[in-house]
Amino acid sequence: MCIRDSGYVVSPDIDLSAYAGSALFISWWQYLQSERGYDLARVAVSNDGGITWSKVYGEVSGNVDLSWA
């Protein structure tokens, strides 16, 4: 797969050490419509400063959410 253009958002580190051993949940709102098969969306998290990433959602494309979900 050839990726010509890529956009992404990375937040600053969030210190969750006070919650060690607890279950953590991530959530967001999205309205997502893209060109099916070409414009892909995914969400990934890192626990080592961005060296490695674990995918938690996606890759999806097309008419995913046509209202806020």
Protein backbone atom coordinates (compact mmCIF):
# COMPACT_ATOMS: atom_id res chain seq x y z
CA MET A 1 0.00 0.00 0.00
CA CYS A 2 1.37 3.39 -0.97
CA ILE A 3 0.52 6.29 1.36
CA ARG A 4 1.04 9.57 -0.44
CA ASP A 5 -0.48 12.01 2.03
CA SER A 6 -1.02 11.35 5.68
CA GLY A 7 -2.49 13.48 8.42
CA TYR A 8 -2.50 12.77 12.11
CA VAL A 9 -3.08 14.30 15.52
CA VAL A 10 -0.88 13.45 18.51
CA SER A 11 -1.73 14.67 22.01
CA PRO A 12 0.87 15.51 24.63
CA ASP A 13 1.74 12.70 27.06
CA ILE A 14 -0.96 12.13 29.68
CA ASP A 15 0.33 10.90 33.04
CA LEU A 16 -1.98 8.08 34.15
CA SER A 17 0.41 6.59 36.72
CA ALA A 18 -2.08 7.36 39.51
CA TYR A 19 -4.40 4.81 37.88
CA ALA A 20 -1.87 1.96 37.61
CA GLY A 21 -3.66 -1.39 37.70
CA SER A 22 -7.03 0.15 36.77
CA ALA A 23 -8.91 -0.45 33.53
CA LEU A 24 -8.69 2.56 31.20
CA PHE A 25 -11.19 3.49 28.51
CA ILE A 26 -10.80 5.86 25.57
CA SER A 27 -13.75 7.52 23.86
CA TRP A 28 -14.32 10.24 21.26
CA TRP A 29 -17.03 11.76 19.07
CA GLN A 30 -16.80 11.35 15.33
CA TYR A 31 -18.62 12.21 12.13
CA LEU A 32 -16.77 10.15 9.59
CA GLN A 33 -17.27 9.97 5.85
CA SER A 34 -14.36 9.31 3.53
CA GLU A 35 -13.50 7.87 0.14
CA ARG A 36 -14.01 4.14 0.64
CA GLY A 37 -10.80 2.14 0.36
CA TYR A 38 -8.54 5.18 0.04
CA ASP A 39 -9.06 7.55 2.99
CA LEU A 40 -8.66 5.45 6.11
CA ALA A 41 -9.23 6.38 9.76
CA ARG A 42 -7.81 4.68 12.84
CA VAL A 43 -6.99 5.42 16.46
CA ALA A 44 -3.82 4.13 18.10
CA VAL A 45 -2.29 4.54 21.55
CA SER A 46 1.29 4.40 22.80
CA ASN A 47 2.69 3.80 26.27
CA ASP A 48 6.35 4.42 25.41
CA GLY A 49 6.36 8.01 24.14
CA GLY A 50 5.33 7.11 20.60
CA ILE A 51 8.02 4.56 19.79
CA THR A 52 5.42 1.80 19.33
CA TRP A 53 1.67 2.07 18.77
CA SER A 54 -1.30 -0.24 19.38
CA LYS A 55 -4.36 0.15 17.19
CA VAL A 56 -7.60 0.48 19.20
CA TYR A 57 -9.97 1.42 16.36
CA GLY A 58 -10.02 1.05 12.57
CA GLU A 59 -8.87 1.09 9.86
CA VAL A 60 -12.25 2.18 8.48
CA SER A 61 -13.35 4.13 5.42
CA GLY A 62 -16.50 5.11 3.58
CA ASN A 63 -19.78 6.11 5.23
CA VAL A 64 -18.77 5.14 8.76
CA ASP A 65 -20.81 7.61 10.88
CA LEU A 66 -23.06 10.04 9.04
CA SER A 67 -24.19 11.66 12.28
CA TRP A 68 -22.21 12.39 15.44
CA ALA A 69 -21.49 9.13 17.23
